[in-house]
Amino acid sequence: SPSLQKVLIAYTERHVRFTQSVGQKSTARVIVYVAGQNDGYGNRLPGLVTAFLWALLDNRILLVEWRDDPVLMPHPAPFGTLFSPQGGLQMDIDLLQPPLLGAKKADLVNGRTAWEQMSEANLTLAFPGRVIKFNSDDWLVPLLAFNPHYREMLREWLPPSGQGVFLHLSKFLLPLAPPLKATFDNFRMRLLNRHVIGLHLRLQKVMPDEQGKKKLKAPEPETFF
């Protein structure tokens, strides 16, 4: 919608100003999406898009802490290898130079325990820290959508059109990075123009043993082919 486009343009300008002045004393408010280090990449996306909507509603900058356990996830893909947000925005907190002040001491908000504030409270008052961290692999946008402080705003940004919030925001936040897009486009041209049987593989989730040690490694994709 035109309203959402204005919001995204304003966000882009704000994000660029932030990254250009990150080493200076800044009053910019930040939300850092913290991915679980052994989460599947697809599982991270609902929480990431939720964090982006939070940033838009609460006038924050979105950064992403996209890290993998080097032992349990031996073939990691950094955020920038997978996605290229519109405007060329740098969102990977590990690539910010100099590092973001206050990030290490920031409060961590877990979506499964903060649901009441997300659905009822003014986010600025409920989470006043200049930098906050947010962790969730759940789709919590409905909590924000029905929050009385933001309901009308979201109706203006996202009028009913048969397309969901995830689609609108992911078009801005999650375009495929160019090398990955080239690989996907080639795959689509070769195979998806015909009837294809899809196979969705779920890797065994890494779980701790009785001593709390995580021993099961996620195998390489080639294991299945």
Protein backbone atom coordinates (compact mmCIF):
# COMPACT_ATOMS: atom_id res chain seq x y z
CA SER A 1 0.00 0.00 0.00
CA PRO A 2 1.16 3.64 -0.42
CA SER A 3 1.13 4.07 3.35
CA LEU A 4 3.43 1.11 3.89
CA GLN A 5 5.76 2.30 1.13
CA LYS A 6 6.14 5.65 2.90
CA VAL A 7 6.91 3.85 6.15
CA LEU A 8 9.56 1.68 4.47
CA ILE A 9 11.17 4.64 2.72
CA ALA A 10 11.37 6.50 6.04
CA TYR A 11 12.79 3.38 7.68
CA THR A 12 15.46 3.03 5.00
CA GLU A 13 16.59 6.62 5.49
CA ARG A 14 16.69 6.14 9.27
CA HIS A 15 18.64 2.89 8.99
CA VAL A 16 21.22 4.42 6.66
CA ARG A 17 21.76 7.38 9.02
CA PHE A 18 22.20 4.93 11.88
CA THR A 19 24.83 2.79 10.17
CA GLN A 20 26.75 5.89 9.09
CA SER A 21 26.95 7.17 12.68
CA VAL A 22 27.13 3.93 14.66
CA GLY A 23 30.49 4.83 16.20
CA GLN A 24 29.21 8.13 17.55
CA LYS A 25 26.97 8.79 20.51
CA SER A 26 23.59 7.89 19.13
CA THR A 27 20.08 8.13 20.49
CA ALA A 28 18.76 5.71 17.88
CA ARG A 29 16.71 2.93 19.41
CA VAL A 30 17.54 -0.59 18.25
CA ILE A 31 15.94 -4.03 18.31
CA VAL A 32 18.31 -6.93 17.68
CA TYR A 33 16.76 -10.17 16.45
CA VAL A 34 18.71 -12.99 18.11
CA ALA A 35 18.55 -16.30 16.25
CA GLY A 36 18.95 -19.54 18.15
CA GLN A 37 22.35 -20.94 17.27
CA ASN A 38 21.01 -24.35 16.25
CA ASP A 39 17.64 -23.27 14.84
CA GLY A 40 16.73 -24.12 11.28
CA TYR A 41 16.99 -21.05 9.07
CA GLY A 42 13.36 -21.31 8.01
CA ASN A 43 12.29 -21.44 11.66
CA ARG A 44 13.98 -18.09 12.24
CA LEU A 45 11.98 -16.16 9.65
CA PRO A 46 8.65 -15.73 11.52
CA GLY A 47 10.46 -14.23 14.50
CA LEU A 48 12.64 -12.07 12.27
CA VAL A 49 9.66 -10.57 10.43
CA THR A 50 7.92 -10.03 13.79
CA ALA A 51 11.00 -8.11 14.98
CA PHE A 52 10.95 -5.99 11.81
CA LEU A 53 7.32 -5.05 12.35
CA TRP A 54 8.18 -4.19 15.96
CA ALA A 55 10.95 -1.92 14.67
CA LEU A 56 8.52 -0.13 12.34
CA LEU A 57 5.87 0.33 15.03
CA ASP A 58 8.29 1.43 17.75
CA ASN A 59 10.61 3.61 15.65
CA ARG A 60 13.59 1.29 16.12
CA ILE A 61 16.42 0.08 13.90
CA LEU A 62 16.44 -3.66 13.19
CA LEU A 63 19.71 -5.54 13.46
CA VAL A 64 20.16 -9.29 13.16
CA GLU A 65 22.37 -11.55 15.28
CA TRP A 66 22.47 -14.53 12.90
CA ARG A 67 24.93 -16.94 14.48
CA ASP A 68 25.37 -20.70 14.36
CA ASP A 69 26.94 -23.14 16.77
CA PRO A 70 30.22 -23.94 14.95
CA VAL A 71 30.16 -27.56 16.11
CA LEU A 72 26.49 -28.38 15.71
CA MET A 73 26.05 -26.33 12.52
CA PRO A 74 29.35 -26.94 10.69
CA HIS A 75 28.16 -25.40 7.39
CA PRO A 76 26.75 -21.99 8.41
CA ALA A 77 25.26 -19.45 6.03
CA PRO A 78 25.61 -15.84 7.24
CA PHE A 79 22.59 -13.57 6.96
CA GLY A 80 24.12 -11.63 4.06
CA THR A 81 24.79 -14.84 2.15
CA LEU A 82 21.06 -15.62 2.21
CA PHE A 83 19.30 -12.27 2.07
CA SER A 84 19.79 -8.78 0.65
CA PRO A 85 17.35 -6.27 2.19
CA GLN A 86 16.12 -3.53 -0.11
CA GLY A 87 18.25 -0.41 -0.17
CA GLY A 88 21.39 -2.43 0.52
CA LEU A 89 20.81 -2.05 4.25
CA GLN A 90 23.44 -3.59 6.51
CA MET A 91 21.55 -5.48 9.22
CA ASP A 92 24.10 -8.04 10.41
CA ILE A 93 25.23 -6.82 13.83
CA ASP A 94 28.50 -8.74 13.51
CA LEU A 95 29.47 -6.64 10.48
CA LEU A 96 28.86 -3.24 12.06
CA GLN A 97 32.04 -1.21 12.45
CA PRO A 98 32.60 -0.11 15.12
CA PRO A 99 30.47 -2.52 17.21
CA LEU A 100 27.12 -1.33 18.55
CA LEU A 101 27.45 0.17 22.01
CA GLY A 102 25.13 -1.35 24.60
CA ALA A 103 24.40 -4.54 22.70
CA LYS A 104 26.13 -6.90 25.13
CA LYS A 105 24.19 -5.60 28.15
CA ALA A 106 20.84 -5.26 26.40
CA ASP A 107 17.80 -6.99 27.86
CA LEU A 108 16.70 -10.14 26.03
CA VAL A 109 12.97 -10.32 25.34
CA ASN A 110 11.58 -13.78 24.59
CA GLY A 111 8.41 -13.81 22.55
CA ARG A 112 6.88 -16.65 24.56
CA THR A 113 7.10 -14.70 27.82
CA ALA A 114 6.41 -11.19 26.48
CA TRP A 115 3.14 -11.99 24.72
CA GLU A 116 1.01 -9.94 27.11
CA GLN A 117 3.01 -6.74 26.63
CA MET A 118 3.15 -7.31 22.88
CA SER A 119 -0.61 -7.64 22.66
CA GLU A 120 -1.66 -4.87 25.06
CA ALA A 121 1.09 -2.40 25.96
CA ASN A 122 2.72 0.61 24.40
CA LEU A 123 6.01 -0.95 23.28
CA THR A 124 8.03 2.19 23.99
CA LEU A 125 6.90 2.23 27.63
CA ALA A 126 6.96 -1.54 28.17
CA PHE A 127 10.49 -1.93 26.74
CA PRO A 128 12.26 1.40 27.35
CA GLY A 129 15.85 0.26 26.72
CA ARG A 130 17.65 2.01 23.88
CA VAL A 131 18.85 -1.41 22.71
CA ILE A 132 16.76 -4.53 23.26
CA LYS A 133 17.23 -8.06 22.01
CA PHE A 134 14.35 -10.21 20.80
CA ASN A 135 14.32 -13.97 20.43
CA SER A 136 11.48 -15.99 18.98
CA ASP A 137 10.82 -18.58 16.30
CA ASP A 138 7.05 -17.99 16.58
CA TRP A 139 4.75 -15.93 14.36
CA LEU A 140 3.74 -13.22 16.85
CA VAL A 141 2.52 -10.57 14.42
CA PRO A 142 -1.14 -11.18 15.44
CA LEU A 143 -0.25 -9.97 18.94
CA LEU A 144 0.98 -6.68 17.52
CA ALA A 145 -1.85 -6.46 14.99
CA PHE A 146 -4.50 -6.57 17.71
CA ASN A 147 -2.62 -4.38 20.16
CA PRO A 148 -4.95 -1.37 20.66
CA HIS A 149 -2.01 1.03 20.41
CA TYR A 150 -1.18 -0.09 16.87
CA ARG A 151 -4.32 -1.66 15.42
CA GLU A 152 -5.46 1.33 13.39
CA MET A 153 -1.94 2.10 12.22
CA LEU A 154 -1.56 -1.41 10.83
CA ARG A 155 -4.93 -1.26 9.14
CA GLU A 156 -3.73 1.84 7.32
CA TRP A 157 -0.42 0.25 6.35
CA LEU A 158 -1.79 -3.14 5.39
CA PRO A 159 -5.36 -2.92 4.10
CA PRO A 160 -7.08 -6.25 3.36
CA SER A 161 -5.92 -7.33 -0.08
CA GLY A 162 -5.62 -11.10 0.09
CA GLN A 163 -1.89 -10.80 0.84
CA GLY A 164 -0.53 -11.26 4.33
CA VAL A 165 1.80 -9.27 6.52
CA PHE A 166 4.64 -11.73 6.00
CA LEU A 167 4.54 -11.30 2.24
CA HIS A 168 4.48 -7.50 2.40
CA LEU A 169 7.37 -7.19 4.85
CA SER A 170 9.49 -10.04 3.51
CA LYS A 171 9.55 -8.41 0.07
CA PHE A 172 11.51 -5.61 1.70
CA LEU A 173 13.45 -7.55 4.33
CA LEU A 174 14.18 -10.92 2.73
CA PRO A 175 14.98 -10.68 -1.00
CA LEU A 176 17.41 -13.45 -1.86
CA ALA A 177 21.05 -12.41 -2.05
CA PRO A 178 22.17 -12.24 -5.73
CA PRO A 179 24.23 -15.49 -5.83
CA LEU A 180 21.47 -17.43 -4.11
CA LYS A 181 18.81 -15.87 -6.35
CA ALA A 182 20.80 -16.92 -9.43
CA THR A 183 20.94 -20.48 -8.12
CA PHE A 184 17.21 -20.50 -7.39
CA ASP A 185 16.30 -18.97 -10.75
CA ASN A 186 18.35 -21.62 -12.52
CA PHE A 187 16.65 -24.36 -10.50
CA ARG A 188 13.22 -22.89 -11.26
CA MET A 189 13.91 -22.67 -14.98
CA ARG A 190 15.19 -26.25 -15.16
CA LEU A 191 12.68 -28.02 -12.93
CA LEU A 192 9.70 -25.98 -11.82
CA ASN A 193 8.24 -25.53 -15.28
CA ARG A 194 7.22 -29.18 -15.11
CA HIS A 195 5.35 -31.25 -12.59
CA VAL A 196 7.61 -31.82 -9.60
CA ILE A 197 7.26 -34.01 -6.54
CA GLY A 198 8.46 -31.97 -3.57
CA LEU A 199 10.27 -33.52 -0.63
CA HIS A 200 10.47 -31.55 2.60
CA LEU A 201 13.30 -32.89 4.76
CA ARG A 202 13.30 -32.20 8.48
CA LEU A 203 16.72 -32.68 10.01
CA GLN A 204 16.80 -34.17 13.48
CA LYS A 205 16.90 -31.31 15.97
CA VAL A 206 20.05 -31.21 18.03
CA MET A 207 19.14 -32.24 21.57
CA PRO A 208 21.23 -32.55 24.74
CA ASP A 209 21.99 -35.88 26.36
CA GLU A 210 21.45 -36.62 30.06
CA GLN A 211 24.52 -34.55 30.99
CA GLY A 212 23.26 -31.57 29.01
CA LYS A 213 25.82 -31.95 26.24
CA LYS A 214 24.60 -31.51 22.70
CA LYS A 215 26.10 -34.33 20.68
CA LEU A 216 23.93 -34.77 17.60
CA LYS A 217 25.18 -32.82 14.59
CA ALA A 218 22.95 -31.74 11.74
CA PRO A 219 24.22 -33.69 8.69
CA GLU A 220 25.19 -32.10 5.41
CA PRO A 221 22.38 -31.88 2.82
CA GLU A 222 24.29 -34.27 0.55
CA THR A 223 23.55 -37.02 3.10
CA PHE A 224 20.02 -37.26 1.75
CA PHE A 225 20.74 -37.44 -1.97
